[in-house]
C-alpha atoms as a PDB file:
ATOM      1  CA  MET A   1       5.048 -33.063  35.376  1.00  0.00           C
ATOM      2  CA  ASN A   2       1.554 -31.976  36.410  1.00  0.00           C
ATOM      3  CA  LEU A   3       2.841 -28.539  37.380  1.00  0.00           C
ATOM      4  CA  LYS A   4       4.311 -28.084  33.890  1.00  0.00           C
ATOM      5  CA  LYS A   5       1.005 -29.040  32.274  1.00  0.00           C
ATOM      6  CA  PHE A   6      -0.880 -26.705  34.584  1.00  0.00           C
ATOM      7  CA  GLY A   7       1.516 -23.849  33.783  1.00  0.00           C
ATOM      8  CA  LEU A   8       1.257 -24.513  30.055  1.00  0.00           C
ATOM      9  CA  GLY A   9      -2.528 -24.596  30.279  1.00  0.00           C
ATOM     10  CA  LEU A  10      -2.585 -21.379  32.267  1.00  0.00           C
ATOM     11  CA  VAL A  11      -0.336 -19.587  29.774  1.00  0.00           C
ATOM     12  CA  SER A  12      -2.366 -20.907  26.837  1.00  0.00           C
ATOM     13  CA  ALA A  13      -5.600 -19.726  28.428  1.00  0.00           C
ATOM     14  CA  ALA A  14      -4.136 -16.281  29.063  1.00  0.00           C
ATOM     15  CA  ILE A  15      -2.986 -15.987  25.457  1.00  0.00           C
ATOM     16  CA  LEU A  16      -6.349 -17.064  24.093  1.00  0.00           C
ATOM     17  CA  ALA A  17      -8.184 -14.691  26.419  1.00  0.00           C
ATOM     18  CA  GLY A  18      -5.948 -11.838  25.298  1.00  0.00           C
ATOM     19  CA  CYS A  19      -6.562 -12.596  21.639  1.00  0.00           C
ATOM     20  CA  SER A  20     -10.309 -12.830  21.952  1.00  0.00           C
ATOM     21  CA  ALA A  21     -10.787  -9.828  24.206  1.00  0.00           C
ATOM     22  CA  GLY A  22     -11.533  -6.877  22.012  1.00  0.00           C
ATOM     23  CA  GLY A  23     -13.260  -3.582  22.420  1.00  0.00           C
ATOM     24  CA  ALA A  24     -15.833  -2.022  20.204  1.00  0.00           C
ATOM     25  CA  SER A  25     -14.172  -0.207  17.342  1.00  0.00           C
ATOM     26  CA  ASN A  26     -15.065   0.816  13.863  1.00  0.00           C
ATOM     27  CA  GLY A  27     -13.290  -0.347  10.714  1.00  0.00           C
ATOM     28  CA  ASN A  28     -11.023   2.713  10.608  1.00  0.00           C
ATOM     29  CA  THR A  29      -9.311   2.078  13.941  1.00  0.00           C
ATOM     30  CA  VAL A  30      -5.740   0.813  14.016  1.00  0.00           C
ATOM     31  CA  LYS A  31      -4.140   0.047  17.349  1.00  0.00           C
ATOM     32  CA  LEU A  32      -0.367   0.251  17.580  1.00  0.00           C
ATOM     33  CA  GLY A  33       1.777  -0.998  20.404  1.00  0.00           C
ATOM     34  CA  GLY A  34       5.410  -0.450  21.132  1.00  0.00           C
ATOM     35  CA  ASN A  35       7.831  -1.629  23.756  1.00  0.00           C
ATOM     36  CA  PHE A  36      10.281   1.240  24.058  1.00  0.00           C
ATOM     37  CA  GLU A  37      12.573   1.759  27.021  1.00  0.00           C
ATOM     38  CA  LEU A  38      11.773   5.277  28.200  1.00  0.00           C
ATOM     39  CA  THR A  39      13.822   5.154  31.400  1.00  0.00           C
ATOM     40  CA  GLY A  40      17.163   3.743  32.412  1.00  0.00           C
ATOM     41  CA  ASN A  41      20.455   3.399  30.589  1.00  0.00           C
ATOM     42  CA  VAL A  42      18.960   3.000  27.116  1.00  0.00           C
ATOM     43  CA  ALA A  43      16.267   5.671  27.383  1.00  0.00           C
ATOM     44  CA  ALA A  44      17.835   7.654  24.543  1.00  0.00           C
ATOM     45  CA  TYR A  45      17.039   4.844  22.099  1.00  0.00           C
ATOM     46  CA  GLY A  46      13.515   4.305  23.394  1.00  0.00           C
ATOM     47  CA  SER A  47      12.678   8.004  23.386  1.00  0.00           C
ATOM     48  CA  ALA A  48      13.913   8.359  19.812  1.00  0.00           C
ATOM     49  CA  MET A  49      11.806   5.400  18.673  1.00  0.00           C
ATOM     50  CA  ASP A  50       8.764   6.734  20.536  1.00  0.00           C
ATOM     51  CA  ASN A  51       9.147  10.105  18.842  1.00  0.00           C
ATOM     52  CA  ALA A  52       9.600   8.413  15.463  1.00  0.00           C
ATOM     53  CA  VAL A  53       6.344   6.487  15.839  1.00  0.00           C
ATOM     54  CA  LYS A  54       4.476   9.623  16.922  1.00  0.00           C
ATOM     55  CA  LEU A  55       5.861  11.517  13.916  1.00  0.00           C
ATOM     56  CA  ALA A  56       4.905   8.720  11.522  1.00  0.00           C
ATOM     57  CA  VAL A  57       1.355   8.666  12.879  1.00  0.00           C
ATOM     58  CA  GLU A  58       1.036  12.434  12.537  1.00  0.00           C
ATOM     59  CA  GLN A  59       2.363  12.326   8.972  1.00  0.00           C
ATOM     60  CA  LYS A  60      -0.054   9.557   8.089  1.00  0.00           C
ATOM     61  CA  LYS A  61      -2.957  11.584   9.497  1.00  0.00           C
ATOM     62  CA  VAL A  62      -2.011  14.538   7.269  1.00  0.00           C
ATOM     63  CA  ASN A  63      -1.715  12.394   4.134  1.00  0.00           C
ATOM     64  CA  TYR A  64      -4.865  10.401   4.847  1.00  0.00           C
END
């Protein structure tokens, strides 16, 4: 029981630390993250999604 509480506390602390840790950025900065499989059996799907995100960002830069 104590090990479960310790694990839960450790995970909670890690989540809170990740949420509060931020770098200096101005108001025009948007950070995007993606979890795309770029290797392995499903790399074709991940590569296509990665390229799609890059294209969308480039198109947004042109229109902005």
